[in-house]
Amino acid sequence: MLAVRAREAGGPEVLEVVDLPVPEPKPGQILVRHEAVGLNFIDTYQRSGLYPMRFPAVLGQEAAGVVEALGEGVTGFATGQPVVINPGLEDGPVIRVVGEHTQGTHAELAAIPATNVYPLPDDISFEEAAAFPLVFETAYRMLVTKAGLTEGEWVFVWGIGGGVAMAAFQIARALGAKTIVTSSSDEKLSRARGLGATVTVNHVTGDVPAAVAEATEGHGADVVVEHVGEATWKTSLQVAAAGGRITVCGATTGPNPPAQLHRIWWKQLTVYGSTMGAKEDFEGAYDLVARKKVKPIVDEVLPLAEARAAHERLEAGEQFGKIVFSIPG
């Protein structure tokens, strides 16, 4: 089968197109033939060696396709049936990810636990289905399961255009929240306003705290979606409302910013750590997608063989929404 793997830790140049044996589904697994797979920042972190990996490694967490074969004991599915993959692998309180300790989805086929495979309705394309699982599940857990977002609250999201940021923005809107989104790109901010963002602010040329204070009449953001880390943490604490919640799922600019503890106790803030999602989080996010309350934004569809160019585009921050690979391309 066709696959793209990282032969060692490094830049996009370590990605190679290879021919690998077709995996055999074990008892309780489904062999899925992929039609489309998603690209995420976690793929670039794994490829670069930022996240520990055993190389060579096939990356990828998201996929949509059709059932190729059923492992022993699997019922309720039929060969040829359209499906989408939930990339969250629960191990007690630990949530792992497809492609982290298993073969990833950037290949023609993958053997996935049947509990992580869901039927895909005809009105959701394979490309859209491959664009939502990881990021929408992550954002749903941050906003709903952790922060308990309610209608009418203000949600602040850094870096609109990225996968988790786009998902958080759309879920917040679907649940009746008001949204403040940032970017360094005025073009991306314009597109976000076209999608219904309440307030947009350029975090390079604008004054983020002032924009939040003006928009919320001094109240601040009830929920802050934090995934950047050192570069944004101080401002995240500053823009949070008194009694607000900050949900943290990553730290792309560094995990050890000054703690600013005084802001946490003065404002009586709650900080939630959040990683991926449980089965209920995936199902909650999938329900929003299936009911057309949210729509995965696909930035570009590329053949899997163009993985290097896709990684370069993602790392340059040029995308607005998800980059998706088509299989075969």
C-alpha atoms as a PDB file:
ATOM      1  CA  MET A   1       0.000   0.000   0.000  1.00  0.00           C
ATOM      2  CA  LEU A   2       1.045   3.607  -0.595  1.00  0.00           C
ATOM      3  CA  ALA A   3       2.146   5.473   2.531  1.00  0.00           C
ATOM      4  CA  VAL A   4       4.088   8.567   3.519  1.00  0.00           C
ATOM      5  CA  ARG A   5       6.439   8.175   6.442  1.00  0.00           C
ATOM      6  CA  ALA A   6       9.148  10.121   8.211  1.00  0.00           C
ATOM      7  CA  ARG A   7      12.388   8.132   7.936  1.00  0.00           C
ATOM      8  CA  GLU A   8      13.979  10.081  10.825  1.00  0.00           C
ATOM      9  CA  ALA A   9      13.484  13.274  12.817  1.00  0.00           C
ATOM     10  CA  GLY A  10      13.906  16.411  10.746  1.00  0.00           C
ATOM     11  CA  GLY A  11      12.295  18.845   8.341  1.00  0.00           C
ATOM     12  CA  PRO A  12       9.814  18.070   5.564  1.00  0.00           C
ATOM     13  CA  GLU A  13      12.666  16.580   3.549  1.00  0.00           C
ATOM     14  CA  VAL A  14      12.616  13.439   5.756  1.00  0.00           C
ATOM     15  CA  LEU A  15       9.164  12.521   4.431  1.00  0.00           C
ATOM     16  CA  GLU A  16       9.219   9.744   1.852  1.00  0.00           C
ATOM     17  CA  VAL A  17       6.637   7.928  -0.248  1.00  0.00           C
ATOM     18  CA  VAL A  18       6.930   4.178   0.365  1.00  0.00           C
ATOM     19  CA  ASP A  19       5.170   0.920  -0.408  1.00  0.00           C
ATOM     20  CA  LEU A  20       4.275  -0.965   2.787  1.00  0.00           C
ATOM     21  CA  PRO A  21       2.505  -4.248   3.474  1.00  0.00           C
ATOM     22  CA  VAL A  22      -1.249  -4.052   3.983  1.00  0.00           C
ATOM     23  CA  PRO A  23      -1.999  -4.389   7.719  1.00  0.00           C
ATOM     24  CA  GLU A  24      -4.119  -7.299   8.906  1.00  0.00           C
ATOM     25  CA  PRO A  25      -7.047  -6.342  11.149  1.00  0.00           C
ATOM     26  CA  LYS A  26      -6.727  -7.997  14.542  1.00  0.00           C
ATOM     27  CA  PRO A  27      -9.752  -9.196  16.519  1.00  0.00           C
ATOM     28  CA  GLY A  28     -11.886  -6.167  17.326  1.00  0.00           C
ATOM     29  CA  GLN A  29     -10.356  -4.041  14.556  1.00  0.00           C
ATOM     30  CA  ILE A  30     -11.599  -2.727  11.206  1.00  0.00           C
ATOM     31  CA  LEU A  31      -9.332  -2.316   8.200  1.00  0.00           C
ATOM     32  CA  VAL A  32     -10.257   1.039   6.651  1.00  0.00           C
ATOM     33  CA  ARG A  33      -9.363   2.002   3.094  1.00  0.00           C
ATOM     34  CA  HIS A  34      -8.812   5.757   3.208  1.00  0.00           C
ATOM     35  CA  GLU A  35     -10.314   8.188   0.735  1.00  0.00           C
ATOM     36  CA  ALA A  36      -9.068  11.308   2.542  1.00  0.00           C
ATOM     37  CA  VAL A  37      -6.829  11.999   5.545  1.00  0.00           C
ATOM     38  CA  GLY A  38      -6.145  15.171   7.522  1.00  0.00           C
ATOM     39  CA  LEU A  39      -2.893  16.962   8.324  1.00  0.00           C
ATOM     40  CA  ASN A  40      -2.334  18.447  11.790  1.00  0.00           C
ATOM     41  CA  PHE A  41       0.376  20.356  13.614  1.00  0.00           C
ATOM     42  CA  ILE A  42       0.999  17.242  15.692  1.00  0.00           C
ATOM     43  CA  ASP A  43       2.317  15.641  12.481  1.00  0.00           C
ATOM     44  CA  THR A  44       4.962  18.349  12.159  1.00  0.00           C
ATOM     45  CA  TYR A  45       5.891  18.021  15.835  1.00  0.00           C
ATOM     46  CA  GLN A  46       6.281  14.263  15.531  1.00  0.00           C
ATOM     47  CA  ARG A  47       8.216  14.541  12.281  1.00  0.00           C
ATOM     48  CA  SER A  48      10.617  17.120  13.719  1.00  0.00           C
ATOM     49  CA  GLY A  49      11.313  15.081  16.856  1.00  0.00           C
ATOM     50  CA  LEU A  50       9.607  17.552  19.195  1.00  0.00           C
ATOM     51  CA  TYR A  51       7.284  14.732  20.233  1.00  0.00           C
ATOM     52  CA  PRO A  52       9.048  11.404  20.901  1.00  0.00           C
ATOM     53  CA  MET A  53       8.592   8.950  18.017  1.00  0.00           C
ATOM     54  CA  ARG A  54      10.082   5.683  16.870  1.00  0.00           C
ATOM     55  CA  PHE A  55      11.313   6.151  13.309  1.00  0.00           C
ATOM     56  CA  PRO A  56      10.609   5.377  10.559  1.00  0.00           C
ATOM     57  CA  ALA A  57       6.998   6.358  11.283  1.00  0.00           C
ATOM     58  CA  VAL A  58       3.775   6.738   9.306  1.00  0.00           C
ATOM     59  CA  LEU A  59       2.145   9.872  10.722  1.00  0.00           C
ATOM     60  CA  GLY A  60      -1.493  10.991  10.690  1.00  0.00           C
ATOM     61  CA  GLN A  61      -4.501  10.872  13.007  1.00  0.00           C
ATOM     62  CA  GLU A  62      -7.583  11.688  10.933  1.00  0.00           C
ATOM     63  CA  ALA A  63      -9.155   9.657   8.149  1.00  0.00           C
ATOM     64  CA  ALA A  64     -12.364   8.916   6.300  1.00  0.00           C
ATOM     65  CA  GLY A  65     -12.903   6.086   3.865  1.00  0.00           C
ATOM     66  CA  VAL A  66     -14.632   2.759   3.487  1.00  0.00           C
ATOM     67  CA  VAL A  67     -14.543  -0.527   5.358  1.00  0.00           C
ATOM     68  CA  GLU A  68     -12.091  -2.875   3.648  1.00  0.00           C
ATOM     69  CA  ALA A  69     -12.243  -5.844   6.033  1.00  0.00           C
ATOM     70  CA  LEU A  70     -13.525  -6.772   9.496  1.00  0.00           C
ATOM     71  CA  GLY A  71     -11.434  -8.345  12.209  1.00  0.00           C
ATOM     72  CA  GLU A  72     -12.722 -11.278  14.202  1.00  0.00           C
ATOM     73  CA  GLY A  73     -15.693 -10.438  16.416  1.00  0.00           C
ATOM     74  CA  VAL A  74     -16.601  -7.144  14.704  1.00  0.00           C
ATOM     75  CA  THR A  75     -20.267  -6.691  13.852  1.00  0.00           C
ATOM     76  CA  GLY A  76     -22.461  -3.795  12.742  1.00  0.00           C
ATOM     77  CA  PHE A  77     -20.325  -2.820   9.747  1.00  0.00           C
ATOM     78  CA  ALA A  78     -20.217  -3.970   6.126  1.00  0.00           C
ATOM     79  CA  THR A  79     -17.420  -3.927   3.591  1.00  0.00           C
ATOM     80  CA  GLY A  80     -17.609  -0.848   1.392  1.00  0.00           C
ATOM     81  CA  GLN A  81     -19.455   1.155   4.058  1.00  0.00           C
ATOM     82  CA  PRO A  82     -18.341   4.828   4.357  1.00  0.00           C
ATOM     83  CA  VAL A  83     -16.804   5.561   7.768  1.00  0.00           C
ATOM     84  CA  VAL A  84     -14.857   8.162   9.717  1.00  0.00           C
ATOM     85  CA  ILE A  85     -12.224   7.535  12.391  1.00  0.00           C
ATOM     86  CA  ASN A  86     -12.196   8.842  15.959  1.00  0.00           C
ATOM     87  CA  PRO A  87      -8.440   9.300  16.591  1.00  0.00           C
ATOM     88  CA  GLY A  88      -8.699   9.247  20.400  1.00  0.00           C
ATOM     89  CA  LEU A  89      -7.532   5.972  21.964  1.00  0.00           C
ATOM     90  CA  GLU A  90      -8.605   5.795  25.615  1.00  0.00           C
ATOM     91  CA  ASP A  91      -6.455   3.876  28.075  1.00  0.00           C
ATOM     92  CA  GLY A  92      -8.112   4.518  31.434  1.00  0.00           C
ATOM     93  CA  PRO A  93      -7.563   8.212  32.231  1.00  0.00           C
ATOM     94  CA  VAL A  94      -4.926   8.519  29.472  1.00  0.00           C
ATOM     95  CA  ILE A  95      -6.039   9.521  25.980  1.00  0.00           C
ATOM     96  CA  ARG A  96      -3.601   8.577  23.249  1.00  0.00           C
ATOM     97  CA  VAL A  97      -3.821   9.347  19.561  1.00  0.00           C
ATOM     98  CA  VAL A  98      -3.869   7.240  16.421  1.00  0.00           C
ATOM     99  CA  GLY A  99      -0.449   7.691  14.834  1.00  0.00           C
ATOM    100  CA  GLU A 100       1.242   8.222  18.190  1.00  0.00           C
ATOM    101  CA  HIS A 101       1.845   4.602  19.223  1.00  0.00           C
ATOM    102  CA  THR A 102       0.208   3.018  16.181  1.00  0.00           C
ATOM    103  CA  GLN A 103       0.575   3.295  12.427  1.00  0.00           C
ATOM    104  CA  GLY A 104      -0.823   6.648  11.382  1.00  0.00           C
ATOM    105  CA  THR A 105      -3.445   7.395   8.758  1.00  0.00           C
ATOM    106  CA  HIS A 106      -1.168   8.832   6.060  1.00  0.00           C
ATOM    107  CA  ALA A 107      -1.453   5.614   4.094  1.00  0.00           C
ATOM    108  CA  GLU A 108      -3.975   3.869   1.894  1.00  0.00           C
ATOM    109  CA  LEU A 109      -5.166   1.621   4.728  1.00  0.00           C
ATOM    110  CA  ALA A 110      -5.032   1.358   8.513  1.00  0.00           C
ATOM    111  CA  ALA A 111      -6.349  -1.140  11.068  1.00  0.00           C
ATOM    112  CA  ILE A 112      -8.409   0.762  13.642  1.00  0.00           C
ATOM    113  CA  PRO A 113     -10.256  -0.464  16.762  1.00  0.00           C
ATOM    114  CA  ALA A 114     -13.902  -0.931  15.828  1.00  0.00           C
ATOM    115  CA  THR A 115     -14.910   1.251  18.786  1.00  0.00           C
ATOM    116  CA  ASN A 116     -13.148   4.151  17.030  1.00  0.00           C
ATOM    117  CA  VAL A 117     -14.896   3.738  13.668  1.00  0.00           C
ATOM    118  CA  TYR A 118     -18.196   5.529  12.972  1.00  0.00           C
ATOM    119  CA  PRO A 119     -20.613   5.358  10.018  1.00  0.00           C
ATOM    120  CA  LEU A 120     -20.404   8.349   7.681  1.00  0.00           C
ATOM    121  CA  PRO A 121     -23.643   9.720   6.180  1.00  0.00           C
ATOM    122  CA  ASP A 122     -23.830  10.421   2.456  1.00  0.00           C
ATOM    123  CA  ASP A 123     -24.161  14.181   2.902  1.00  0.00           C
ATOM    124  CA  ILE A 124     -20.693  14.566   4.474  1.00  0.00           C
ATOM    125  CA  SER A 125     -17.840  14.309   1.982  1.00  0.00           C
ATOM    126  CA  PHE A 126     -14.735  12.269   2.716  1.00  0.00           C
ATOM    127  CA  GLU A 127     -12.679  15.482   2.640  1.00  0.00           C
ATOM    128  CA  GLU A 128     -14.884  17.208   5.226  1.00  0.00           C
ATOM    129  CA  ALA A 129     -14.943  14.075   7.373  1.00  0.00           C
ATOM    130  CA  ALA A 130     -11.148  13.875   7.341  1.00  0.00           C
ATOM    131  CA  ALA A 131     -10.892  17.530   8.369  1.00  0.00           C
ATOM    132  CA  PHE A 132     -12.776  17.482  11.668  1.00  0.00           C
ATOM    133  CA  PRO A 133     -12.032  14.542  14.048  1.00  0.00           C
ATOM    134  CA  LEU A 134      -8.860  15.553  15.894  1.00  0.00           C
ATOM    135  CA  VAL A 135      -9.389  19.306  16.005  1.00  0.00           C
ATOM    136  CA  PHE A 136     -13.130  19.368  16.648  1.00  0.00           C
ATOM    137  CA  GLU A 137     -12.847  16.677  19.319  1.00  0.00           C
ATOM    138  CA  THR A 138     -10.048  18.670  20.971  1.00  0.00           C
ATOM    139  CA  ALA A 139     -11.986  21.933  20.823  1.00  0.00           C
ATOM    140  CA  TYR A 140     -15.220  20.342  22.020  1.00  0.00           C
ATOM    141  CA  ARG A 141     -13.495  18.947  25.104  1.00  0.00           C
ATOM    142  CA  MET A 142     -11.909  22.340  25.818  1.00  0.00           C
ATOM    143  CA  LEU A 143     -15.085  24.381  25.483  1.00  0.00           C
ATOM    144  CA  VAL A 144     -17.869  22.028  26.569  1.00  0.00           C
ATOM    145  CA  THR A 145     -16.460  19.260  28.765  1.00  0.00           C
ATOM    146  CA  LYS A 146     -13.837  21.365  30.544  1.00  0.00           C
ATOM    147  CA  ALA A 147     -14.963  25.004  30.437  1.00  0.00           C
ATOM    148  CA  GLY A 148     -18.723  24.360  30.452  1.00  0.00           C
ATOM    149  CA  LEU A 149     -19.411  27.050  27.865  1.00  0.00           C
ATOM    150  CA  THR A 150     -22.908  28.530  27.979  1.00  0.00           C
ATOM    151  CA  GLU A 151     -24.911  30.586  25.515  1.00  0.00           C
ATOM    152  CA  GLY A 152     -24.102  34.283  25.453  1.00  0.00           C
ATOM    153  CA  GLU A 153     -20.598  34.012  26.894  1.00  0.00           C
ATOM    154  CA  TRP A 154     -17.529  35.561  25.284  1.00  0.00           C
ATOM    155  CA  VAL A 155     -14.889  33.175  23.864  1.00  0.00           C
ATOM    156  CA  PHE A 156     -11.408  34.375  22.919  1.00  0.00           C
ATOM    157  CA  VAL A 157      -9.426  32.330  20.380  1.00  0.00           C
ATOM    158  CA  TRP A 158      -5.818  32.859  19.328  1.00  0.00           C
ATOM    159  CA  GLY A 159      -4.642  32.341  15.743  1.00  0.00           C
ATOM    160  CA  ILE A 160      -7.731  31.871  13.609  1.00  0.00           C
ATOM    161  CA  GLY A 161      -6.940  29.756  10.578  1.00  0.00           C
ATOM    162  CA  GLY A 162      -5.323  26.883  12.459  1.00  0.00           C
ATOM    163  CA  GLY A 163      -7.208  23.636  12.978  1.00  0.00           C
ATOM    164  CA  VAL A 164      -8.033  23.826  16.692  1.00  0.00           C
ATOM    165  CA  ALA A 165      -8.661  27.577  16.515  1.00  0.00           C
ATOM    166  CA  MET A 166     -11.108  27.159  13.627  1.00  0.00           C
ATOM    167  CA  ALA A 167     -12.880  24.324  15.406  1.00  0.00           C
ATOM    168  CA  ALA A 168     -13.131  26.250  18.690  1.00  0.00           C
ATOM    169  CA  PHE A 169     -14.478  29.322  16.887  1.00  0.00           C
ATOM    170  CA  GLN A 170     -17.137  27.314  15.058  1.00  0.00           C
ATOM    171  CA  ILE A 171     -18.209  25.290  18.092  1.00  0.00           C
ATOM    172  CA  ALA A 172     -18.451  28.444  20.195  1.00  0.00           C
ATOM    173  CA  ARG A 173     -20.712  30.066  17.587  1.00  0.00           C
ATOM    174  CA  ALA A 174     -22.837  26.924  17.285  1.00  0.00           C
ATOM    175  CA  LEU A 175     -23.424  26.994  21.041  1.00  0.00           C
ATOM    176  CA  GLY A 176     -24.521  30.619  21.002  1.00  0.00           C
ATOM    177  CA  ALA A 177     -21.334  32.238  22.309  1.00  0.00           C
ATOM    178  CA  LYS A 178     -19.823  35.506  21.109  1.00  0.00           C
ATOM    179  CA  THR A 179     -16.356  35.177  19.620  1.00  0.00           C
ATOM    180  CA  ILE A 180     -13.174  37.236  19.576  1.00  0.00           C
ATOM    181  CA  VAL A 181     -10.511  35.837  17.253  1.00  0.00           C
ATOM    182  CA  THR A 182      -6.980  36.953  16.447  1.00  0.00           C
ATOM    183  CA  SER A 183      -4.485  36.546  13.635  1.00  0.00           C
ATOM    184  CA  SER A 184      -1.412  38.292  12.258  1.00  0.00           C
ATOM    185  CA  SER A 185      -3.112  38.187   8.839  1.00  0.00           C
ATOM    186  CA  ASP A 186      -5.757  40.767   7.990  1.00  0.00           C
ATOM    187  CA  GLU A 187      -6.932  38.494   5.178  1.00  0.00           C
ATOM    188  CA  LYS A 188      -7.636  35.666   7.633  1.00  0.00           C
ATOM    189  CA  LEU A 189      -9.444  38.087   9.934  1.00  0.00           C
ATOM    190  CA  SER A 190     -11.610  39.231   7.041  1.00  0.00           C
ATOM    191  CA  ARG A 191     -12.504  35.622   6.251  1.00  0.00           C
ATOM    192  CA  ALA A 192     -13.305  35.013   9.924  1.00  0.00           C
ATOM    193  CA  ARG A 193     -15.701  37.963   9.934  1.00  0.00           C
ATOM    194  CA  GLY A 194     -17.336  36.454   6.863  1.00  0.00           C
ATOM    195  CA  LEU A 195     -17.870  33.252   8.863  1.00  0.00           C
ATOM    196  CA  GLY A 196     -19.517  35.157  11.695  1.00  0.00           C
ATOM    197  CA  ALA A 197     -16.767  36.179  14.124  1.00  0.00           C
ATOM    198  CA  THR A 198     -18.147  38.821  16.491  1.00  0.00           C
ATOM    199  CA  VAL A 199     -14.839  40.670  16.871  1.00  0.00           C
ATOM    200  CA  THR A 200     -11.459  40.276  15.148  1.00  0.00           C
ATOM    201  CA  VAL A 201      -8.091  41.753  16.111  1.00  0.00           C
ATOM    202  CA  ASN A 202      -4.636  41.622  14.561  1.00  0.00           C
ATOM    203  CA  HIS A 203      -2.410  40.465  17.416  1.00  0.00           C
ATOM    204  CA  VAL A 204       0.697  41.989  15.792  1.00  0.00           C
ATOM    205  CA  THR A 205      -0.529  45.444  14.794  1.00  0.00           C
ATOM    206  CA  GLY A 206      -3.450  45.794  17.206  1.00  0.00           C
ATOM    207  CA  ASP A 207      -3.926  46.114  20.961  1.00  0.00           C
ATOM    208  CA  VAL A 208      -5.486  42.811  21.983  1.00  0.00           C
ATOM    209  CA  PRO A 209      -6.415  43.657  25.613  1.00  0.00           C
ATOM    210  CA  ALA A 210      -7.928  46.976  24.528  1.00  0.00           C
ATOM    211  CA  ALA A 211      -9.950  45.301  21.779  1.00  0.00           C
ATOM    212  CA  VAL A 212     -11.310  42.704  24.199  1.00  0.00           C
ATOM    213  CA  ALA A 213     -12.142  45.332  26.813  1.00  0.00           C
ATOM    214  CA  GLU A 214     -13.978  47.463  24.250  1.00  0.00           C
ATOM    215  CA  ALA A 215     -15.925  44.556  22.767  1.00  0.00           C
ATOM    216  CA  THR A 216     -17.023  43.159  26.119  1.00  0.00           C
ATOM    217  CA  GLU A 217     -17.578  46.555  27.793  1.00  0.00           C
ATOM    218  CA  GLY A 218     -14.821  45.817  30.284  1.00  0.00           C
ATOM    219  CA  HIS A 219     -16.080  42.347  31.194  1.00  0.00           C
ATOM    220  CA  GLY A 220     -13.390  40.305  29.436  1.00  0.00           C
ATOM    221  CA  ALA A 221     -13.500  36.848  27.869  1.00  0.00           C
ATOM    222  CA  ASP A 222     -15.387  34.203  29.829  1.00  0.00           C
ATOM    223  CA  VAL A 223     -13.391  31.446  28.116  1.00  0.00           C
ATOM    224  CA  VAL A 224      -9.910  31.731  26.597  1.00  0.00           C
ATOM    225  CA  VAL A 225      -8.698  29.035  24.196  1.00  0.00           C
ATOM    226  CA  GLU A 226      -4.929  28.866  24.763  1.00  0.00           C
ATOM    227  CA  HIS A 227      -2.687  26.751  22.537  1.00  0.00           C
ATOM    228  CA  VAL A 228       0.280  29.052  21.918  1.00  0.00           C
ATOM    229  CA  GLY A 229       2.038  29.200  25.285  1.00  0.00           C
ATOM    230  CA  GLU A 230       4.895  31.528  26.106  1.00  0.00           C
ATOM    231  CA  ALA A 231       4.111  34.181  23.482  1.00  0.00           C
ATOM    232  CA  THR A 232       0.473  34.619  24.518  1.00  0.00           C
ATOM    233  CA  TRP A 233       0.065  33.435  28.111  1.00  0.00           C
ATOM    234  CA  LYS A 234       0.415  36.846  29.755  1.00  0.00           C
ATOM    235  CA  THR A 235      -2.216  38.324  27.445  1.00  0.00           C
ATOM    236  CA  SER A 236      -4.523  35.328  27.878  1.00  0.00           C
ATOM    237  CA  LEU A 237      -4.582  35.982  31.615  1.00  0.00           C
ATOM    238  CA  GLN A 238      -5.060  39.690  31.002  1.00  0.00           C
ATOM    239  CA  VAL A 239      -8.074  39.346  28.689  1.00  0.00           C
ATOM    240  CA  ALA A 240      -9.836  36.713  30.813  1.00  0.00           C
ATOM    241  CA  ALA A 241     -12.863  37.949  32.716  1.00  0.00           C
ATOM    242  CA  ALA A 242     -13.010  37.810  36.500  1.00  0.00           C
ATOM    243  CA  GLY A 243     -14.023  34.251  37.307  1.00  0.00           C
ATOM    244  CA  GLY A 244     -13.176  33.222  33.740  1.00  0.00           C
ATOM    245  CA  ARG A 245     -11.797  29.931  32.462  1.00  0.00           C
ATOM    246  CA  ILE A 246      -8.656  29.341  30.429  1.00  0.00           C
ATOM    247  CA  THR A 247      -8.351  26.046  28.579  1.00  0.00           C
ATOM    248  CA  VAL A 248      -4.874  24.949  27.511  1.00  0.00           C
ATOM    249  CA  CYS A 249      -4.221  22.266  24.905  1.00  0.00           C
ATOM    250  CA  GLY A 250      -0.740  23.175  23.692  1.00  0.00           C
ATOM    251  CA  ALA A 251       2.208  25.543  23.819  1.00  0.00           C
ATOM    252  CA  THR A 252       3.700  25.925  20.368  1.00  0.00           C
ATOM    253  CA  THR A 253       5.930  28.851  21.397  1.00  0.00           C
ATOM    254  CA  GLY A 254       7.153  27.279  24.635  1.00  0.00           C
ATOM    255  CA  PRO A 255       5.633  25.527  27.673  1.00  0.00           C
ATOM    256  CA  ASN A 256       7.209  27.617  30.445  1.00  0.00           C
ATOM    257  CA  PRO A 257       5.967  31.215  30.367  1.00  0.00           C
ATOM    258  CA  PRO A 258       6.099  33.373  33.504  1.00  0.00           C
ATOM    259  CA  ALA A 259       3.209  32.053  35.592  1.00  0.00           C
ATOM    260  CA  GLN A 260       1.627  35.430  36.406  1.00  0.00           C
ATOM    261  CA  LEU A 261       0.047  33.780  39.449  1.00  0.00           C
ATOM    262  CA  HIS A 262      -1.193  37.087  40.818  1.00  0.00           C
ATOM    263  CA  ARG A 263      -3.642  37.408  37.926  1.00  0.00           C
ATOM    264  CA  ILE A 264      -4.998  33.918  38.632  1.00  0.00           C
ATOM    265  CA  TRP A 265      -5.845  34.611  42.260  1.00  0.00           C
ATOM    266  CA  TRP A 266      -6.900  38.248  41.814  1.00  0.00           C
ATOM    267  CA  LYS A 267      -9.332  37.293  39.060  1.00  0.00           C
ATOM    268  CA  GLN A 268     -10.166  33.907  40.608  1.00  0.00           C
ATOM    269  CA  LEU A 269      -9.483  32.226  37.282  1.00  0.00           C
ATOM    270  CA  THR A 270      -9.742  28.515  36.536  1.00  0.00           C
ATOM    271  CA  VAL A 271      -7.123  26.958  34.269  1.00  0.00           C
ATOM    272  CA  TYR A 272      -8.002  23.665  32.578  1.00  0.00           C
ATOM    273  CA  GLY A 273      -5.526  21.364  30.895  1.00  0.00           C
ATOM    274  CA  SER A 274      -7.100  19.507  28.004  1.00  0.00           C
ATOM    275  CA  THR A 275      -5.712  16.875  25.645  1.00  0.00           C
ATOM    276  CA  MET A 276      -7.645  15.405  22.743  1.00  0.00           C
ATOM    277  CA  GLY A 277     -10.957  13.944  23.893  1.00  0.00           C
ATOM    278  CA  ALA A 278     -12.895  10.994  25.173  1.00  0.00           C
ATOM    279  CA  LYS A 279     -15.491   9.058  23.191  1.00  0.00           C
ATOM    280  CA  GLU A 280     -18.189  11.442  24.412  1.00  0.00           C
ATOM    281  CA  ASP A 281     -16.221  14.449  23.150  1.00  0.00           C
ATOM    282  CA  PHE A 282     -15.838  12.964  19.680  1.00  0.00           C
ATOM    283  CA  GLU A 283     -19.530  12.090  19.565  1.00  0.00           C
ATOM    284  CA  GLY A 284     -20.517  15.573  20.717  1.00  0.00           C
ATOM    285  CA  ALA A 285     -18.372  17.166  18.018  1.00  0.00           C
ATOM    286  CA  TYR A 286     -19.556  14.690  15.381  1.00  0.00           C
ATOM    287  CA  ASP A 287     -23.177  15.453  16.266  1.00  0.00           C
ATOM    288  CA  LEU A 288     -22.587  19.144  15.533  1.00  0.00           C
ATOM    289  CA  VAL A 289     -21.009  18.267  12.189  1.00  0.00           C
ATOM    290  CA  ALA A 290     -23.761  15.804  11.254  1.00  0.00           C
ATOM    291  CA  ARG A 291     -26.514  18.321  12.124  1.00  0.00           C
ATOM    292  CA  LYS A 292     -24.743  21.011  10.067  1.00  0.00           C
ATOM    293  CA  LYS A 293     -24.279  23.221  13.123  1.00  0.00           C
ATOM    294  CA  VAL A 294     -20.595  23.441  12.203  1.00  0.00           C
ATOM    295  CA  LYS A 295     -18.838  22.872   8.884  1.00  0.00           C
ATOM    296  CA  PRO A 296     -15.196  21.761   8.677  1.00  0.00           C
ATOM    297  CA  ILE A 297     -13.245  24.296   6.615  1.00  0.00           C
ATOM    298  CA  VAL A 298     -10.942  22.612   4.101  1.00  0.00           C
ATOM    299  CA  ASP A 299      -8.050  24.850   3.097  1.00  0.00           C
ATOM    300  CA  GLU A 300      -6.631  22.672   0.330  1.00  0.00           C
ATOM    301  CA  VAL A 301      -6.835  19.091  -0.907  1.00  0.00           C
ATOM    302  CA  LEU A 302      -3.528  17.620  -2.087  1.00  0.00           C
ATOM    303  CA  PRO A 303      -2.408  14.171  -3.191  1.00  0.00           C
ATOM    304  CA  LEU A 304      -0.751  12.255  -0.361  1.00  0.00           C
ATOM    305  CA  ALA A 305       2.467  12.186  -2.392  1.00  0.00           C
ATOM    306  CA  GLU A 306       2.716  15.983  -1.914  1.00  0.00           C
ATOM    307  CA  ALA A 307       3.113  15.640   1.858  1.00  0.00           C
ATOM    308  CA  ARG A 308       6.341  17.665   1.928  1.00  0.00           C
ATOM    309  CA  ALA A 309       4.677  20.709   0.356  1.00  0.00           C
ATOM    310  CA  ALA A 310       1.724  20.342   2.726  1.00  0.00           C
ATOM    311  CA  HIS A 311       3.995  20.266   5.799  1.00  0.00           C
ATOM    312  CA  GLU A 312       5.775  23.372   4.524  1.00  0.00           C
ATOM    313  CA  ARG A 313       2.475  25.219   4.021  1.00  0.00           C
ATOM    314  CA  LEU A 314       1.269  24.278   7.491  1.00  0.00           C
ATOM    315  CA  GLU A 315       4.497  25.287   9.219  1.00  0.00           C
ATOM    316  CA  ALA A 316       4.484  28.614   7.367  1.00  0.00           C
ATOM    317  CA  GLY A 317       1.000  29.325   8.743  1.00  0.00           C
ATOM    318  CA  GLU A 318      -0.423  29.917   5.274  1.00  0.00           C
ATOM    319  CA  GLN A 319      -3.518  27.748   5.697  1.00  0.00           C
ATOM    320  CA  PHE A 320      -7.041  28.783   6.642  1.00  0.00           C
ATOM    321  CA  GLY A 321      -8.687  25.603   7.855  1.00  0.00           C
ATOM    322  CA  LYS A 322      -7.458  22.067   7.334  1.00  0.00           C
ATOM    323  CA  ILE A 323      -5.089  20.686   4.726  1.00  0.00           C
ATOM    324  CA  VAL A 324      -6.419  17.336   3.539  1.00  0.00           C
ATOM    325  CA  PHE A 325      -4.758  14.607   1.505  1.00  0.00           C
ATOM    326  CA  SER A 326      -6.705  12.679  -1.091  1.00  0.00           C
ATOM    327  CA  ILE A 327      -6.034   8.971  -1.538  1.00  0.00           C
ATOM    328  CA  PRO A 328      -5.273   7.995  -4.194  1.00  0.00           C
ATOM    329  CA  GLY A 329      -3.983  11.340  -5.372  1.00  0.00           C
END
